Amino acid sequence: MGLRLIKPAEALLFSTGADSKNEQIAGALAKDEQGAVWVLHRGKIGGGKKGVSKALFEKHYKGPWRNAEGNPFAVVGTLGQEDFVKHVSDFVKLVDEIKRSV
């Protein structure tokens, strides 16, 4: 099943910037063939601390990954899923823990 990156205006603005294809922004939105909108993350994390990087994120992130237009993304959740807010909260907490581990 393939995902297609979309502009936030097709769903909502979720800290993805003006265009989900902008690789400078870690967040992205994508739509699958059934019309579900996925909230994704490229894994690029920063924090102004040496060692905080995409490689560190990839080492610690054990959640699902999906490809969108040939690029790997960590899955945050899908809009409309019952526990979407919990998924977002868990993801934010995990990134914070990863950053603090350095």
Protein backbone atom coordinates (compact mmCIF):
# COMPACT_ATOMS: atom_id res chain seq x y z
CA MET A 1 0.00 0.00 0.00
CA GLY A 2 1.53 3.31 -1.03
CA LEU A 3 1.24 6.68 0.62
CA ARG A 4 1.12 10.00 -1.19
CA LEU A 5 2.45 13.12 0.54
CA ILE A 6 -0.10 15.92 0.68
CA LYS A 7 -0.22 19.60 1.52
CA PRO A 8 -1.59 20.36 4.99
CA ALA A 9 -4.50 22.25 3.47
CA GLU A 10 -5.88 18.87 2.38
CA ALA A 11 -6.15 17.82 6.02
CA LEU A 12 -4.95 20.26 8.68
CA LEU A 13 -1.83 22.10 9.71
CA PHE A 14 0.15 19.82 12.02
CA SER A 15 3.58 21.44 12.23
CA THR A 16 4.46 20.22 8.78
CA GLY A 17 5.07 23.58 7.23
CA ALA A 18 3.49 24.62 3.97
CA ASP A 19 4.51 21.49 2.07
CA SER A 20 4.95 17.93 3.36
CA LYS A 21 7.56 17.35 0.66
CA ASN A 22 9.90 19.91 2.29
CA GLU A 23 12.58 17.66 3.76
CA GLN A 24 13.82 20.44 6.05
CA ILE A 25 10.69 19.90 8.14
CA ALA A 26 10.51 16.62 10.04
CA GLY A 27 6.72 16.32 10.15
CA ALA A 28 4.67 15.26 7.14
CA LEU A 29 1.14 14.31 6.22
CA ALA A 30 0.32 11.55 3.73
CA LYS A 31 -2.86 10.04 2.37
CA ASP A 32 -3.33 6.36 1.54
CA GLU A 33 -5.52 4.79 -1.15
CA GLN A 34 -8.50 4.61 1.24
CA GLY A 35 -8.24 8.35 1.99
CA ALA A 36 -6.83 7.99 5.52
CA VAL A 37 -4.47 10.83 6.48
CA TRP A 38 -1.29 9.72 8.20
CA VAL A 39 0.81 11.91 10.48
CA LEU A 40 4.44 10.99 9.88
CA HIS A 41 7.91 12.02 11.05
CA ARG A 42 11.19 11.82 9.16
CA GLY A 43 13.14 11.08 12.35
CA LYS A 44 15.16 14.26 12.14
CA ILE A 45 15.48 15.52 15.67
CA GLY A 46 17.65 18.33 16.93
CA GLY A 47 18.16 20.10 20.15
CA GLY A 48 21.44 21.90 19.93
CA LYS A 49 23.19 19.03 21.67
CA LYS A 50 25.96 16.93 20.13
CA GLY A 51 24.72 13.44 19.34
CA VAL A 52 21.05 14.36 18.97
CA SER A 53 20.33 13.26 15.40
CA LYS A 54 18.25 11.18 13.05
CA ALA A 55 20.59 8.24 13.68
CA LEU A 56 19.88 8.48 17.42
CA PHE A 57 16.14 8.58 16.72
CA GLU A 58 16.37 5.53 14.43
CA LYS A 59 18.33 3.62 17.08
CA HIS A 60 15.67 4.19 19.77
CA TYR A 61 12.38 4.36 17.85
CA LYS A 62 10.73 0.92 17.88
CA GLY A 63 7.39 1.98 16.41
CA PRO A 64 6.15 1.40 12.89
CA TRP A 65 7.72 2.90 9.78
CA ARG A 66 5.96 3.51 6.47
CA ASN A 67 7.30 4.54 3.11
CA ALA A 68 5.80 7.56 1.41
CA GLU A 69 6.99 8.30 -2.09
CA GLY A 70 10.03 6.10 -1.53
CA ASN A 71 11.13 7.67 1.76
CA PRO A 72 10.89 6.09 5.22
CA PHE A 73 8.80 7.81 7.89
CA ALA A 74 8.06 7.01 11.52
CA VAL A 75 4.31 6.69 11.99
CA VAL A 76 2.80 9.01 14.59
CA GLY A 77 -0.79 8.02 13.84
CA THR A 78 -3.71 8.49 11.51
CA LEU A 79 -6.22 11.30 11.79
CA GLY A 80 -9.56 10.10 13.06
CA GLN A 81 -8.25 7.04 14.88
CA GLU A 82 -9.80 6.71 18.31
CA ASP A 83 -6.55 7.07 20.26
CA PHE A 84 -4.82 9.58 17.97
CA VAL A 85 -4.09 12.09 20.75
CA LYS A 86 -2.44 9.33 22.82
CA HIS A 87 -0.26 8.38 19.84
CA VAL A 88 0.87 11.99 19.43
CA SER A 89 1.51 12.33 23.17
CA ASP A 90 3.49 9.07 23.29
CA PHE A 91 5.55 10.13 20.28
CA VAL A 92 6.40 13.52 21.78
CA LYS A 93 7.39 11.90 25.09
CA LEU A 94 9.57 9.36 23.28
CA VAL A 95 11.41 12.07 21.33
CA ASP A 96 11.98 13.95 24.58
CA GLU A 97 13.39 10.79 26.21
CA ILE A 98 15.64 10.15 23.23
CA LYS A 99 17.01 13.70 23.39
CA ARG A 100 17.63 13.43 27.14
CA SER A 101 19.54 10.16 26.68
CA VAL A 102 22.52 12.03 25.23
